[in-house]
Amino acid sequence: MSEPETSGTHPGQPRPVRLRDALLRARIEAADRTGVVVDLRDAEVARLEILNDALDPLFAQVPDQIDLFDRGISQGDTPRLWIDVVAHIVMGRDKRMYRFVQDTRFGRIVLAESHDTAVIVEAVTDYVARRMIERERAMVIAPEPQAPAAAPPRRSRLWPFVFGFVLGAAALFGVAVLAVLRNW
């Protein structure tokens, strides 16, 4: 990089760098970094495509009526090989290790991690089998629960109270009448 140019009015002080020149330098630096990132991302996608091809025999055995699995490679900042809505395979930090992860409501868990595609294919096979069994259990129609025997209808507690109150009042009235008649 060159030294900042000095202005003619103040010979010892650096002249402010023009924004256009700074933007040009920043764009060149970003392009250099982006080239490296694109190469790494292409390598990740290529390894995921190799794994995707290795999974073809497994998914060929899944019956057509089971639509749990939607396998495909998403190309974003982090390329992923999706197995279904909650499970995917992503490359590890060293870009050579496969990491098979599942998103749960408690966070992301790692189901398998290996450099070898055969190990990951085996883990995906186990995962697919478990998901198919879960689907079968969910699809089974459970017998309707028997309704509990109907409880006898609950009577109101108001009428016994009213009856007792009236009966008590009548008894007190009768005792009062008897007391008056004796004293007369």
C-alpha atoms as a PDB file:
ATOM      1  CA  MET A   1       0.000   0.000   0.000  1.00  0.00           C
ATOM      2  CA  SER A   2       1.202   3.456  -0.695  1.00  0.00           C
ATOM      3  CA  GLU A   3       1.677   6.218   1.759  1.00  0.00           C
ATOM      4  CA  PRO A   4      -1.145   8.743   1.971  1.00  0.00           C
ATOM      5  CA  GLU A   5      -0.558  11.750  -0.145  1.00  0.00           C
ATOM      6  CA  THR A   6       0.236  15.006   1.586  1.00  0.00           C
ATOM      7  CA  SER A   7      -1.455  18.235   0.765  1.00  0.00           C
ATOM      8  CA  GLY A   8       0.485  21.215  -0.395  1.00  0.00           C
ATOM      9  CA  THR A   9      -0.774  23.501   2.373  1.00  0.00           C
ATOM     10  CA  HIS A  10       0.458  21.459   5.336  1.00  0.00           C
ATOM     11  CA  PRO A  11       3.521  19.521   4.232  1.00  0.00           C
ATOM     12  CA  GLY A  12       3.876  17.354   7.397  1.00  0.00           C
ATOM     13  CA  GLN A  13       0.271  16.136   7.778  1.00  0.00           C
ATOM     14  CA  PRO A  14      -1.322  13.302   5.778  1.00  0.00           C
ATOM     15  CA  ARG A  15      -4.169  14.228   3.488  1.00  0.00           C
ATOM     16  CA  PRO A  16      -7.465  12.429   4.159  1.00  0.00           C
ATOM     17  CA  VAL A  17      -7.918   9.326   1.986  1.00  0.00           C
ATOM     18  CA  ARG A  18     -10.764   9.624  -0.444  1.00  0.00           C
ATOM     19  CA  LEU A  19     -13.767   7.426   0.267  1.00  0.00           C
ATOM     20  CA  ARG A  20     -13.804   6.108  -3.278  1.00  0.00           C
ATOM     21  CA  ASP A  21     -10.253   4.771  -2.911  1.00  0.00           C
ATOM     22  CA  ALA A  22     -11.102   3.174   0.466  1.00  0.00           C
ATOM     23  CA  LEU A  23     -14.182   1.507  -1.030  1.00  0.00           C
ATOM     24  CA  LEU A  24     -12.134   0.149  -3.923  1.00  0.00           C
ATOM     25  CA  ARG A  25      -9.566  -1.358  -1.534  1.00  0.00           C
ATOM     26  CA  ALA A  26     -12.338  -2.863   0.643  1.00  0.00           C
ATOM     27  CA  ARG A  27     -13.996  -4.430  -2.413  1.00  0.00           C
ATOM     28  CA  ILE A  28     -10.738  -5.999  -3.542  1.00  0.00           C
ATOM     29  CA  GLU A  29     -10.124  -7.453  -0.058  1.00  0.00           C
ATOM     30  CA  ALA A  30     -13.691  -8.801   0.114  1.00  0.00           C
ATOM     31  CA  ALA A  31     -13.337 -10.412  -3.306  1.00  0.00           C
ATOM     32  CA  ASP A  32     -10.153 -12.167  -2.185  1.00  0.00           C
ATOM     33  CA  ARG A  33     -11.883 -13.510   0.935  1.00  0.00           C
ATOM     34  CA  THR A  34     -15.027 -14.447  -0.980  1.00  0.00           C
ATOM     35  CA  GLY A  35     -13.029 -16.520  -3.449  1.00  0.00           C
ATOM     36  CA  VAL A  36     -11.708 -18.665  -0.618  1.00  0.00           C
ATOM     37  CA  VAL A  37     -15.144 -18.993   0.973  1.00  0.00           C
ATOM     38  CA  VAL A  38     -16.740 -19.982  -2.342  1.00  0.00           C
ATOM     39  CA  ASP A  39     -14.094 -22.657  -2.878  1.00  0.00           C
ATOM     40  CA  LEU A  40     -14.729 -24.086   0.612  1.00  0.00           C
ATOM     41  CA  ARG A  41     -18.495 -24.007   0.089  1.00  0.00           C
ATOM     42  CA  ASP A  42     -18.139 -25.787  -3.264  1.00  0.00           C
ATOM     43  CA  ALA A  43     -16.043 -28.483  -1.581  1.00  0.00           C
ATOM     44  CA  GLU A  44     -18.716 -28.904   1.124  1.00  0.00           C
ATOM     45  CA  VAL A  45     -21.474 -29.191  -1.472  1.00  0.00           C
ATOM     46  CA  ALA A  46     -19.453 -31.750  -3.434  1.00  0.00           C
ATOM     47  CA  ARG A  47     -18.955 -33.919  -0.323  1.00  0.00           C
ATOM     48  CA  LEU A  48     -22.645 -33.646   0.535  1.00  0.00           C
ATOM     49  CA  GLU A  49     -23.540 -34.690  -3.021  1.00  0.00           C
ATOM     50  CA  ILE A  50     -21.308 -37.762  -2.642  1.00  0.00           C
ATOM     51  CA  LEU A  51     -23.160 -38.655   0.563  1.00  0.00           C
ATOM     52  CA  ASN A  52     -26.508 -37.964  -1.116  1.00  0.00           C
ATOM     53  CA  ASP A  53     -25.603 -40.453  -3.867  1.00  0.00           C
ATOM     54  CA  ALA A  54     -24.621 -43.005  -1.206  1.00  0.00           C
ATOM     55  CA  LEU A  55     -28.078 -42.595   0.374  1.00  0.00           C
ATOM     56  CA  ASP A  56     -29.932 -43.328  -2.895  1.00  0.00           C
ATOM     57  CA  PRO A  57     -30.274 -47.104  -2.253  1.00  0.00           C
ATOM     58  CA  LEU A  58     -31.724 -46.455   1.206  1.00  0.00           C
ATOM     59  CA  PHE A  59     -34.388 -44.042   0.015  1.00  0.00           C
ATOM     60  CA  ALA A  60     -35.229 -46.275  -2.931  1.00  0.00           C
ATOM     61  CA  GLN A  61     -36.467 -48.818  -0.346  1.00  0.00           C
ATOM     62  CA  VAL A  62     -38.799 -46.350   1.405  1.00  0.00           C
ATOM     63  CA  PRO A  63     -42.379 -46.993   0.252  1.00  0.00           C
ATOM     64  CA  ASP A  64     -43.910 -44.301  -1.945  1.00  0.00           C
ATOM     65  CA  GLN A  65     -46.872 -43.715   0.373  1.00  0.00           C
ATOM     66  CA  ILE A  66     -44.529 -42.575   3.160  1.00  0.00           C
ATOM     67  CA  ASP A  67     -43.884 -38.903   2.637  1.00  0.00           C
ATOM     68  CA  LEU A  68     -41.899 -38.164   5.798  1.00  0.00           C
ATOM     69  CA  PHE A  69     -38.619 -37.607   4.055  1.00  0.00           C
ATOM     70  CA  ASP A  70     -37.743 -34.711   1.801  1.00  0.00           C
ATOM     71  CA  ARG A  71     -34.111 -35.199   0.940  1.00  0.00           C
ATOM     72  CA  GLY A  72     -32.181 -32.434  -0.758  1.00  0.00           C
ATOM     73  CA  ILE A  73     -29.164 -30.178  -0.525  1.00  0.00           C
ATOM     74  CA  SER A  74     -29.738 -26.564   0.478  1.00  0.00           C
ATOM     75  CA  GLN A  75     -27.088 -24.142  -0.595  1.00  0.00           C
ATOM     76  CA  GLY A  76     -26.803 -21.232   1.750  1.00  0.00           C
ATOM     77  CA  ASP A  77     -24.078 -19.900   3.987  1.00  0.00           C
ATOM     78  CA  THR A  78     -23.881 -23.415   5.410  1.00  0.00           C
ATOM     79  CA  PRO A  79     -24.758 -26.121   2.856  1.00  0.00           C
ATOM     80  CA  ARG A  80     -26.912 -28.903   4.317  1.00  0.00           C
ATOM     81  CA  LEU A  81     -28.185 -32.273   3.159  1.00  0.00           C
ATOM     82  CA  TRP A  82     -31.711 -32.440   4.532  1.00  0.00           C
ATOM     83  CA  ILE A  83     -33.131 -35.848   5.418  1.00  0.00           C
ATOM     84  CA  ASP A  84     -36.479 -34.565   6.677  1.00  0.00           C
ATOM     85  CA  VAL A  85     -37.833 -31.432   8.281  1.00  0.00           C
ATOM     86  CA  VAL A  86     -35.857 -31.794  11.519  1.00  0.00           C
ATOM     87  CA  ALA A  87     -32.722 -33.751  10.573  1.00  0.00           C
ATOM     88  CA  HIS A  88     -29.880 -32.790   8.288  1.00  0.00           C
ATOM     89  CA  ILE A  89     -26.222 -33.414   7.608  1.00  0.00           C
ATOM     90  CA  VAL A  90     -23.743 -30.590   7.709  1.00  0.00           C
ATOM     91  CA  MET A  91     -19.986 -30.588   7.293  1.00  0.00           C
ATOM     92  CA  GLY A  92     -17.849 -30.212  10.415  1.00  0.00           C
ATOM     93  CA  ARG A  93     -15.343 -27.469  11.055  1.00  0.00           C
ATOM     94  CA  ASP A  94     -12.572 -29.264   9.199  1.00  0.00           C
ATOM     95  CA  LYS A  95     -14.882 -29.548   6.132  1.00  0.00           C
ATOM     96  CA  ARG A  96     -14.147 -33.286   5.879  1.00  0.00           C
ATOM     97  CA  MET A  97     -16.260 -34.579   8.748  1.00  0.00           C
ATOM     98  CA  TYR A  98     -19.947 -35.264   8.294  1.00  0.00           C
ATOM     99  CA  ARG A  99     -22.191 -34.270  11.198  1.00  0.00           C
ATOM    100  CA  PHE A 100     -25.711 -35.728  11.281  1.00  0.00           C
ATOM    101  CA  VAL A 101     -27.863 -33.534  13.524  1.00  0.00           C
ATOM    102  CA  GLN A 102     -31.493 -33.321  14.566  1.00  0.00           C
ATOM    103  CA  ASP A 103     -33.312 -30.213  15.748  1.00  0.00           C
ATOM    104  CA  THR A 104     -35.472 -30.807  18.818  1.00  0.00           C
ATOM    105  CA  ARG A 105     -37.472 -28.491  21.006  1.00  0.00           C
ATOM    106  CA  PHE A 106     -34.592 -28.622  23.492  1.00  0.00           C
ATOM    107  CA  GLY A 107     -31.937 -27.710  20.935  1.00  0.00           C
ATOM    108  CA  ARG A 108     -29.842 -29.430  18.310  1.00  0.00           C
ATOM    109  CA  ILE A 109     -28.424 -32.883  19.021  1.00  0.00           C
ATOM    110  CA  VAL A 110     -25.702 -34.692  17.103  1.00  0.00           C
ATOM    111  CA  LEU A 111     -26.865 -38.148  16.027  1.00  0.00           C
ATOM    112  CA  ALA A 112     -23.612 -39.176  14.317  1.00  0.00           C
ATOM    113  CA  GLU A 113     -20.292 -37.694  13.351  1.00  0.00           C
ATOM    114  CA  SER A 114     -17.666 -39.276  11.143  1.00  0.00           C
ATOM    115  CA  HIS A 115     -15.260 -38.805   8.261  1.00  0.00           C
ATOM    116  CA  ASP A 116     -16.553 -42.030   6.707  1.00  0.00           C
ATOM    117  CA  THR A 117     -19.684 -41.923   4.549  1.00  0.00           C
ATOM    118  CA  ALA A 118     -20.571 -45.537   5.459  1.00  0.00           C
ATOM    119  CA  VAL A 119     -20.920 -44.614   9.139  1.00  0.00           C
ATOM    120  CA  ILE A 120     -23.220 -41.713   8.284  1.00  0.00           C
ATOM    121  CA  VAL A 121     -25.256 -43.871   5.877  1.00  0.00           C
ATOM    122  CA  GLU A 122     -25.729 -46.397   8.706  1.00  0.00           C
ATOM    123  CA  ALA A 123     -26.825 -43.630  11.115  1.00  0.00           C
ATOM    124  CA  VAL A 124     -29.281 -42.242   8.560  1.00  0.00           C
ATOM    125  CA  THR A 125     -30.622 -45.772   7.958  1.00  0.00           C
ATOM    126  CA  ASP A 126     -31.286 -46.185  11.703  1.00  0.00           C
ATOM    127  CA  TYR A 127     -32.909 -42.748  11.836  1.00  0.00           C
ATOM    128  CA  VAL A 128     -35.179 -43.490   8.860  1.00  0.00           C
ATOM    129  CA  ALA A 129     -36.229 -46.805  10.403  1.00  0.00           C
ATOM    130  CA  ARG A 130     -37.077 -45.132  13.734  1.00  0.00           C
ATOM    131  CA  ARG A 131     -39.083 -42.408  11.995  1.00  0.00           C
ATOM    132  CA  MET A 132     -41.040 -44.995  10.008  1.00  0.00           C
ATOM    133  CA  ILE A 133     -41.886 -46.908  13.201  1.00  0.00           C
ATOM    134  CA  GLU A 134     -42.985 -43.662  14.877  1.00  0.00           C
ATOM    135  CA  ARG A 135     -45.223 -42.967  11.869  1.00  0.00           C
ATOM    136  CA  GLU A 136     -46.759 -46.443  12.041  1.00  0.00           C
ATOM    137  CA  ARG A 137     -47.546 -45.993  15.732  1.00  0.00           C
ATOM    138  CA  ALA A 138     -49.061 -42.585  15.087  1.00  0.00           C
ATOM    139  CA  MET A 139     -51.193 -43.909  12.230  1.00  0.00           C
ATOM    140  CA  VAL A 140     -52.681 -46.790  14.236  1.00  0.00           C
ATOM    141  CA  ILE A 141     -56.196 -45.924  15.269  1.00  0.00           C
ATOM    142  CA  ALA A 142     -56.445 -46.389  18.994  1.00  0.00           C
ATOM    143  CA  PRO A 143     -59.683 -47.909  20.258  1.00  0.00           C
ATOM    144  CA  GLU A 144     -62.088 -45.327  21.521  1.00  0.00           C
ATOM    145  CA  PRO A 145     -61.934 -45.111  25.273  1.00  0.00           C
ATOM    146  CA  GLN A 146     -64.975 -46.483  27.041  1.00  0.00           C
ATOM    147  CA  ALA A 147     -67.094 -43.751  28.507  1.00  0.00           C
ATOM    148  CA  PRO A 148     -67.179 -44.054  32.286  1.00  0.00           C
ATOM    149  CA  ALA A 149     -70.483 -45.133  33.783  1.00  0.00           C
ATOM    150  CA  ALA A 150     -72.715 -42.130  34.056  1.00  0.00           C
ATOM    151  CA  ALA A 151     -72.769 -40.831  37.588  1.00  0.00           C
ATOM    152  CA  PRO A 152     -76.199 -40.480  39.111  1.00  0.00           C
ATOM    153  CA  PRO A 153     -77.587 -37.031  38.563  1.00  0.00           C
ATOM    154  CA  ARG A 154     -76.606 -34.714  41.331  1.00  0.00           C
ATOM    155  CA  ARG A 155     -79.505 -33.297  43.228  1.00  0.00           C
ATOM    156  CA  SER A 156     -79.711 -29.750  44.263  1.00  0.00           C
ATOM    157  CA  ARG A 157     -78.886 -29.047  47.898  1.00  0.00           C
ATOM    158  CA  LEU A 158     -81.206 -26.062  47.981  1.00  0.00           C
ATOM    159  CA  TRP A 159     -84.512 -27.989  48.253  1.00  0.00           C
ATOM    160  CA  PRO A 160     -83.566 -30.062  51.304  1.00  0.00           C
ATOM    161  CA  PHE A 161     -82.437 -26.855  53.004  1.00  0.00           C
ATOM    162  CA  VAL A 162     -85.698 -25.079  52.193  1.00  0.00           C
ATOM    163  CA  PHE A 163     -87.734 -28.119  53.325  1.00  0.00           C
ATOM    164  CA  GLY A 164     -85.803 -28.311  56.607  1.00  0.00           C
ATOM    165  CA  PHE A 165     -86.178 -24.575  57.172  1.00  0.00           C
ATOM    166  CA  VAL A 166     -89.953 -24.699  56.598  1.00  0.00           C
ATOM    167  CA  LEU A 167     -90.336 -27.807  58.767  1.00  0.00           C
ATOM    168  CA  GLY A 168     -88.304 -26.187  61.555  1.00  0.00           C
ATOM    169  CA  ALA A 169     -90.300 -22.973  61.359  1.00  0.00           C
ATOM    170  CA  ALA A 170     -93.566 -24.930  61.501  1.00  0.00           C
ATOM    171  CA  ALA A 171     -92.339 -26.855  64.556  1.00  0.00           C
ATOM    172  CA  LEU A 172     -91.355 -23.636  66.356  1.00  0.00           C
ATOM    173  CA  PHE A 173     -94.720 -22.117  65.501  1.00  0.00           C
ATOM    174  CA  GLY A 174     -96.486 -25.211  66.847  1.00  0.00           C
ATOM    175  CA  VAL A 175     -94.471 -25.121  70.102  1.00  0.00           C
ATOM    176  CA  ALA A 176     -95.255 -21.421  70.499  1.00  0.00           C
ATOM    177  CA  VAL A 177     -98.993 -22.035  69.979  1.00  0.00           C
ATOM    178  CA  LEU A 178     -98.988 -24.852  72.531  1.00  0.00           C
ATOM    179  CA  ALA A 179     -97.176 -22.673  75.047  1.00  0.00           C
ATOM    180  CA  VAL A 180     -99.723 -19.873  74.684  1.00  0.00           C
ATOM    181  CA  LEU A 181    -102.661 -22.272  74.977  1.00  0.00           C
ATOM    182  CA  ARG A 182    -101.287 -23.768  78.246  1.00  0.00           C
ATOM    183  CA  ASN A 183    -100.870 -20.436  79.825  1.00  0.00           C
ATOM    184  CA  TRP A 184    -104.378 -19.314  79.093  1.00  0.00           C
END
